[in-house]
Amino acid sequence: MSHQMFRVVLAALAAGVVLGHGPALAADAAKGKAAFMKYGCWQCHGIEGQGSAITSAGKVLAPDPMPLETFVAFVRSTDRAMPPYSEKVLPNEDLADMHAYLSAIPKPKDYKSIPLLRQ
């Protein structure tokens, strides 16, 4: 493959990633946690996406968040208590990182595995 052809193929792949076609963006859970804090998501959804016990506005997001495509679509077009966030305000890369962060949060232990709670 010529150098020019390689650059064309590389540019096409990059365009596909940026436009949401082709391979998924590489997401980073550490960056996702920082973005979750930066954009104030934690204020309604809790620091670990556990939701709010005080208001019904902060839904549970983790563990096992909705699929990334659904997550992005909801954040972009919600008409519920949460305002929609455009890509100008909240870039797709940050959303992918936040999804990685929420996906990395472990499920809580089964209460039966905690001796004190079995008594």
N, C-alpha and C. Protein backbone atom coordinates (compact mmCIF):
# COMPACT_ATOMS: atom_id res chain seq x y z
N MET A 1 0.86 -1.17 0.00
CA MET A 1 0.00 0.00 0.00
C MET A 1 0.90 1.23 0.00
N SER A 2 0.60 2.16 -0.88
CA SER A 2 1.40 3.38 -0.95
C SER A 2 1.15 4.25 0.27
N HIS A 3 2.08 5.15 0.51
CA HIS A 3 1.96 6.06 1.65
C HIS A 3 0.71 6.94 1.52
N GLN A 4 0.44 7.41 0.30
CA GLN A 4 -0.75 8.25 0.08
C GLN A 4 -2.03 7.45 0.34
N MET A 5 -2.09 6.21 -0.16
CA MET A 5 -3.26 5.36 0.04
C MET A 5 -3.47 5.08 1.53
N PHE A 6 -2.37 4.85 2.25
CA PHE A 6 -2.46 4.61 3.68
C PHE A 6 -3.07 5.82 4.38
N ARG A 7 -2.65 7.02 4.00
CA ARG A 7 -3.18 8.24 4.61
C ARG A 7 -4.67 8.40 4.31
N VAL A 8 -5.11 8.04 3.10
CA VAL A 8 -6.54 8.13 2.76
C VAL A 8 -7.34 7.15 3.60
N VAL A 9 -6.85 5.92 3.72
CA VAL A 9 -7.56 4.92 4.53
C VAL A 9 -7.60 5.37 5.99
N LEU A 10 -6.49 5.87 6.51
CA LEU A 10 -6.45 6.34 7.89
C LEU A 10 -7.42 7.50 8.11
N ALA A 11 -7.49 8.43 7.18
CA ALA A 11 -8.43 9.56 7.28
C ALA A 11 -9.87 9.08 7.26
N ALA A 12 -10.17 8.10 6.42
CA ALA A 12 -11.54 7.55 6.36
C ALA A 12 -11.91 6.87 7.67
N LEU A 13 -10.98 6.12 8.23
CA LEU A 13 -11.25 5.48 9.53
C LEU A 13 -11.46 6.52 10.62
N ALA A 14 -10.64 7.55 10.63
CA ALA A 14 -10.78 8.62 11.63
C ALA A 14 -12.12 9.32 11.47
N ALA A 15 -12.54 9.59 10.25
CA ALA A 15 -13.83 10.24 10.03
C ALA A 15 -14.96 9.35 10.52
N GLY A 16 -14.86 8.07 10.31
CA GLY A 16 -15.89 7.14 10.77
C GLY A 16 -16.02 7.14 12.28
N VAL A 17 -14.89 7.19 12.96
CA VAL A 17 -14.91 7.23 14.42
C VAL A 17 -15.53 8.52 14.91
N VAL A 18 -15.12 9.65 14.35
CA VAL A 18 -15.62 10.95 14.78
C VAL A 18 -17.12 11.07 14.50
N LEU A 19 -17.57 10.56 13.39
CA LEU A 19 -18.97 10.69 13.03
C LEU A 19 -19.85 9.60 13.63
N GLY A 20 -19.24 8.71 14.39
CA GLY A 20 -20.02 7.68 15.05
C GLY A 20 -20.19 6.42 14.22
N HIS A 21 -19.45 6.30 13.13
CA HIS A 21 -19.50 5.09 12.32
C HIS A 21 -18.17 4.39 12.47
N GLY A 22 -18.17 3.09 12.38
CA GLY A 22 -16.91 2.37 12.47
C GLY A 22 -16.59 2.03 13.91
N PRO A 23 -15.32 1.83 14.21
CA PRO A 23 -14.93 1.37 15.54
C PRO A 23 -15.36 2.35 16.63
N ALA A 24 -15.67 1.80 17.78
CA ALA A 24 -16.06 2.65 18.92
C ALA A 24 -14.86 3.42 19.43
N LEU A 25 -15.13 4.56 20.00
CA LEU A 25 -14.06 5.35 20.59
C LEU A 25 -13.48 4.60 21.78
N ALA A 26 -12.18 4.71 21.94
CA ALA A 26 -11.54 4.11 23.11
C ALA A 26 -11.92 4.96 24.31
N ALA A 27 -12.57 4.37 25.26
CA ALA A 27 -13.05 5.11 26.42
C ALA A 27 -12.15 4.86 27.62
N ASP A 28 -12.09 5.83 28.51
CA ASP A 28 -11.21 5.80 29.67
C ASP A 28 -12.04 6.06 30.92
N ALA A 29 -12.12 5.07 31.80
CA ALA A 29 -12.95 5.18 33.01
C ALA A 29 -12.46 6.28 33.95
N ALA A 30 -11.15 6.48 34.06
CA ALA A 30 -10.62 7.54 34.94
C ALA A 30 -11.03 8.92 34.42
N LYS A 31 -10.90 9.09 33.10
CA LYS A 31 -11.35 10.36 32.51
C LYS A 31 -12.87 10.49 32.66
N GLY A 32 -13.57 9.37 32.58
CA GLY A 32 -15.02 9.39 32.73
C GLY A 32 -15.47 9.84 34.10
N LYS A 33 -14.75 9.40 35.13
CA LYS A 33 -15.08 9.84 36.49
C LYS A 33 -14.86 11.34 36.62
N ALA A 34 -13.75 11.83 36.06
CA ALA A 34 -13.47 13.27 36.10
C ALA A 34 -14.55 14.05 35.36
N ALA A 35 -14.99 13.55 34.21
CA ALA A 35 -16.04 14.23 33.44
C ALA A 35 -17.37 14.18 34.19
N PHE A 36 -17.67 13.05 34.84
CA PHE A 36 -18.89 12.89 35.62
C PHE A 36 -18.96 13.95 36.72
N MET A 37 -17.81 14.23 37.32
CA MET A 37 -17.73 15.26 38.35
C MET A 37 -17.79 16.66 37.72
N LYS A 38 -17.03 16.87 36.66
CA LYS A 38 -16.93 18.18 36.00
C LYS A 38 -18.28 18.69 35.53
N TYR A 39 -19.09 17.81 34.92
CA TYR A 39 -20.37 18.23 34.37
C TYR A 39 -21.50 18.19 35.41
N GLY A 40 -21.18 17.83 36.65
CA GLY A 40 -22.16 17.87 37.72
C GLY A 40 -23.13 16.71 37.75
N CYS A 41 -22.86 15.65 37.00
CA CYS A 41 -23.76 14.48 36.97
C CYS A 41 -23.95 13.89 38.37
N TRP A 42 -22.88 13.93 39.16
CA TRP A 42 -22.90 13.35 40.50
C TRP A 42 -23.92 14.02 41.40
N GLN A 43 -24.27 15.28 41.12
CA GLN A 43 -25.19 16.00 42.00
C GLN A 43 -26.56 15.35 42.06
N CYS A 44 -27.01 14.77 40.97
CA CYS A 44 -28.31 14.08 40.95
C CYS A 44 -28.16 12.56 40.97
N HIS A 45 -27.10 12.05 40.35
CA HIS A 45 -26.97 10.60 40.18
C HIS A 45 -26.05 9.95 41.20
N GLY A 46 -25.47 10.73 42.10
CA GLY A 46 -24.55 10.17 43.08
C GLY A 46 -23.16 9.98 42.49
N ILE A 47 -22.17 9.95 43.35
CA ILE A 47 -20.78 9.86 42.89
C ILE A 47 -20.51 8.57 42.13
N GLU A 48 -21.20 7.50 42.46
CA GLU A 48 -21.00 6.24 41.76
C GLU A 48 -22.21 5.85 40.93
N GLY A 49 -23.02 6.82 40.54
CA GLY A 49 -24.18 6.54 39.71
C GLY A 49 -25.26 5.75 40.41
N GLN A 50 -25.27 5.81 41.74
CA GLN A 50 -26.22 5.02 42.53
C GLN A 50 -27.61 5.64 42.59
N GLY A 51 -27.77 6.85 42.06
CA GLY A 51 -29.07 7.50 42.10
C GLY A 51 -29.26 8.28 43.37
N SER A 52 -30.39 8.96 43.46
CA SER A 52 -30.68 9.79 44.62
C SER A 52 -31.80 9.19 45.44
N ALA A 53 -31.57 9.07 46.74
CA ALA A 53 -32.62 8.59 47.63
C ALA A 53 -33.59 9.71 48.00
N ILE A 54 -33.17 10.95 47.76
CA ILE A 54 -33.97 12.11 48.14
C ILE A 54 -34.95 12.51 47.05
N THR A 55 -34.51 12.51 45.81
CA THR A 55 -35.39 12.90 44.72
C THR A 55 -35.43 11.81 43.67
N SER A 56 -36.50 11.78 42.92
CA SER A 56 -36.60 10.77 41.85
C SER A 56 -35.91 11.26 40.58
N ALA A 57 -35.37 12.48 40.61
CA ALA A 57 -34.72 13.04 39.41
C ALA A 57 -33.43 12.30 39.08
N GLY A 58 -32.68 11.90 40.08
CA GLY A 58 -31.39 11.25 39.85
C GLY A 58 -31.55 9.75 39.76
N LYS A 59 -31.76 9.25 38.56
CA LYS A 59 -31.94 7.82 38.35
C LYS A 59 -30.64 7.06 38.57
N VAL A 60 -30.76 5.78 38.86
CA VAL A 60 -29.60 4.90 39.02
C VAL A 60 -28.96 4.69 37.65
N LEU A 61 -27.66 4.88 37.58
CA LEU A 61 -26.93 4.70 36.33
C LEU A 61 -25.97 3.52 36.36
N ALA A 62 -25.57 3.08 37.54
CA ALA A 62 -24.58 2.01 37.66
C ALA A 62 -24.93 1.13 38.85
N PRO A 63 -24.47 -0.09 38.91
CA PRO A 63 -23.72 -0.77 37.86
C PRO A 63 -24.63 -1.15 36.70
N ASP A 64 -24.06 -1.66 35.67
CA ASP A 64 -24.79 -2.06 34.46
C ASP A 64 -25.56 -0.91 33.82
N PRO A 65 -24.83 0.12 33.36
CA PRO A 65 -25.53 1.22 32.68
C PRO A 65 -26.16 0.75 31.37
N MET A 66 -27.09 1.55 30.88
CA MET A 66 -27.70 1.25 29.59
C MET A 66 -26.61 1.23 28.51
N PRO A 67 -26.89 0.61 27.36
CA PRO A 67 -25.88 0.59 26.29
C PRO A 67 -25.45 2.01 25.91
N LEU A 68 -24.21 2.13 25.46
CA LEU A 68 -23.64 3.44 25.14
C LEU A 68 -24.50 4.23 24.17
N GLU A 69 -24.99 3.60 23.11
CA GLU A 69 -25.79 4.32 22.12
C GLU A 69 -27.06 4.89 22.75
N THR A 70 -27.69 4.13 23.62
CA THR A 70 -28.91 4.57 24.31
C THR A 70 -28.58 5.69 25.28
N PHE A 71 -27.48 5.54 25.98
CA PHE A 71 -27.01 6.55 26.94
C PHE A 71 -26.79 7.89 26.23
N VAL A 72 -26.08 7.87 25.11
CA VAL A 72 -25.81 9.09 24.36
C VAL A 72 -27.10 9.70 23.84
N ALA A 73 -27.98 8.87 23.28
CA ALA A 73 -29.25 9.37 22.74
C ALA A 73 -30.08 10.02 23.84
N PHE A 74 -30.12 9.42 25.01
CA PHE A 74 -30.90 9.98 26.12
C PHE A 74 -30.32 11.33 26.57
N VAL A 75 -29.02 11.38 26.76
CA VAL A 75 -28.38 12.62 27.21
C VAL A 75 -28.60 13.74 26.21
N ARG A 76 -28.61 13.42 24.93
CA ARG A 76 -28.77 14.43 23.89
C ARG A 76 -30.22 14.91 23.73
N SER A 77 -31.19 14.06 24.05
CA SER A 77 -32.57 14.42 23.70
C SER A 77 -33.58 14.30 24.83
N THR A 78 -33.14 14.14 26.06
CA THR A 78 -34.07 13.95 27.16
C THR A 78 -35.04 15.14 27.30
N ASP A 79 -36.26 14.83 27.65
CA ASP A 79 -37.24 15.88 27.93
C ASP A 79 -37.81 15.69 29.33
N ARG A 80 -37.05 15.03 30.17
CA ARG A 80 -37.47 14.79 31.55
C ARG A 80 -36.85 15.84 32.46
N ALA A 81 -36.67 15.51 33.72
CA ALA A 81 -36.12 16.46 34.69
C ALA A 81 -34.69 16.88 34.34
N MET A 82 -33.95 16.03 33.66
CA MET A 82 -32.59 16.36 33.26
C MET A 82 -32.62 17.13 31.95
N PRO A 83 -31.91 18.24 31.87
CA PRO A 83 -31.87 18.98 30.59
C PRO A 83 -31.04 18.21 29.57
N PRO A 84 -31.36 18.36 28.28
CA PRO A 84 -30.53 17.71 27.26
C PRO A 84 -29.20 18.45 27.14
N TYR A 85 -28.16 17.70 26.84
CA TYR A 85 -26.82 18.26 26.68
C TYR A 85 -26.39 18.07 25.22
N SER A 86 -26.15 19.17 24.52
CA SER A 86 -25.69 19.08 23.14
C SER A 86 -24.23 18.66 23.11
N GLU A 87 -23.76 18.27 21.94
CA GLU A 87 -22.36 17.87 21.81
C GLU A 87 -21.42 19.05 22.03
N LYS A 88 -21.91 20.28 21.81
CA LYS A 88 -21.08 21.46 22.07
C LYS A 88 -20.78 21.59 23.57
N VAL A 89 -21.75 21.22 24.38
CA VAL A 89 -21.60 21.32 25.84
C VAL A 89 -20.91 20.09 26.41
N LEU A 90 -21.28 18.92 25.93
CA LEU A 90 -20.77 17.65 26.45
C LEU A 90 -20.35 16.78 25.26
N PRO A 91 -19.05 16.78 24.93
CA PRO A 91 -18.57 16.04 23.77
C PRO A 91 -18.80 14.53 23.86
N ASN A 92 -18.94 13.89 22.70
CA ASN A 92 -19.14 12.44 22.64
C ASN A 92 -18.02 11.68 23.35
N GLU A 93 -16.79 12.18 23.25
CA GLU A 93 -15.67 11.52 23.90
C GLU A 93 -15.87 11.49 25.42
N ASP A 94 -16.35 12.59 25.99
CA ASP A 94 -16.60 12.64 27.43
C ASP A 94 -17.74 11.69 27.81
N LEU A 95 -18.77 11.62 26.97
CA LEU A 95 -19.87 10.69 27.24
C LEU A 95 -19.39 9.24 27.21
N ALA A 96 -18.55 8.92 26.23
CA ALA A 96 -18.00 7.56 26.15
C ALA A 96 -17.16 7.25 27.38
N ASP A 97 -16.36 8.22 27.82
CA ASP A 97 -15.56 8.03 29.04
C ASP A 97 -16.45 7.86 30.26
N MET A 98 -17.52 8.67 30.37
CA MET A 98 -18.45 8.55 31.51
C MET A 98 -19.11 7.17 31.50
N HIS A 99 -19.47 6.69 30.33
CA HIS A 99 -20.08 5.37 30.22
C HIS A 99 -19.08 4.29 30.68
N ALA A 100 -17.82 4.46 30.30
CA ALA A 100 -16.78 3.52 30.74
C ALA A 100 -16.64 3.55 32.26
N TYR A 101 -16.70 4.74 32.84
CA TYR A 101 -16.63 4.86 34.30
C TYR A 101 -17.81 4.14 34.96
N LEU A 102 -19.01 4.40 34.48
CA LEU A 102 -20.20 3.76 35.05
C LEU A 102 -20.16 2.24 34.87
N SER A 103 -19.62 1.80 33.74
CA SER A 103 -19.51 0.35 33.48
C SER A 103 -18.48 -0.31 34.38
N ALA A 104 -17.48 0.47 34.83
CA ALA A 104 -16.41 -0.08 35.67
C ALA A 104 -16.80 -0.18 37.14
N ILE A 105 -17.90 0.43 37.53
CA ILE A 105 -18.32 0.38 38.93
C ILE A 105 -18.82 -1.03 39.22
N PRO A 106 -18.24 -1.69 40.23
CA PRO A 106 -18.62 -3.08 40.50
C PRO A 106 -20.01 -3.17 41.12
N LYS A 107 -20.62 -4.32 40.89
CA LYS A 107 -21.91 -4.59 41.54
C LYS A 107 -21.67 -4.74 43.03
N PRO A 108 -22.65 -4.36 43.85
CA PRO A 108 -22.47 -4.54 45.29
C PRO A 108 -22.47 -6.03 45.65
N LYS A 109 -21.84 -6.35 46.76
CA LYS A 109 -21.82 -7.73 47.22
C LYS A 109 -23.23 -8.16 47.61
N ASP A 110 -23.51 -9.41 47.41
CA ASP A 110 -24.77 -10.00 47.86
C ASP A 110 -24.78 -9.93 49.39
N TYR A 111 -25.87 -9.46 49.97
CA TYR A 111 -25.92 -9.30 51.43
C TYR A 111 -25.69 -10.63 52.14
N LYS A 112 -25.98 -11.73 51.49
CA LYS A 112 -25.79 -13.06 52.11
C LYS A 112 -24.30 -13.38 52.28
N SER A 113 -23.44 -12.66 51.56
CA SER A 113 -21.98 -12.90 51.68
C SER A 113 -21.37 -12.09 52.83
N ILE A 114 -22.17 -11.27 53.49
CA ILE A 114 -21.68 -10.45 54.61
C ILE A 114 -22.15 -11.10 55.90
N PRO A 115 -21.23 -11.68 56.67
CA PRO A 115 -21.62 -12.46 57.88
C PRO A 115 -22.54 -11.70 58.84
N LEU A 116 -22.26 -10.46 59.11
CA LEU A 116 -23.07 -9.70 60.06
C LEU A 116 -24.54 -9.59 59.60
N LEU A 117 -24.76 -9.50 58.30
CA LEU A 117 -26.13 -9.38 57.79
C LEU A 117 -26.85 -10.72 57.71
N ARG A 118 -26.13 -11.81 57.88
CA ARG A 118 -26.79 -13.13 57.87
C ARG A 118 -27.31 -13.52 59.24
N GLN A 119 -27.00 -12.75 60.25
CA GLN A 119 -27.40 -13.12 61.62
C GLN A 119 -28.84 -12.76 61.88
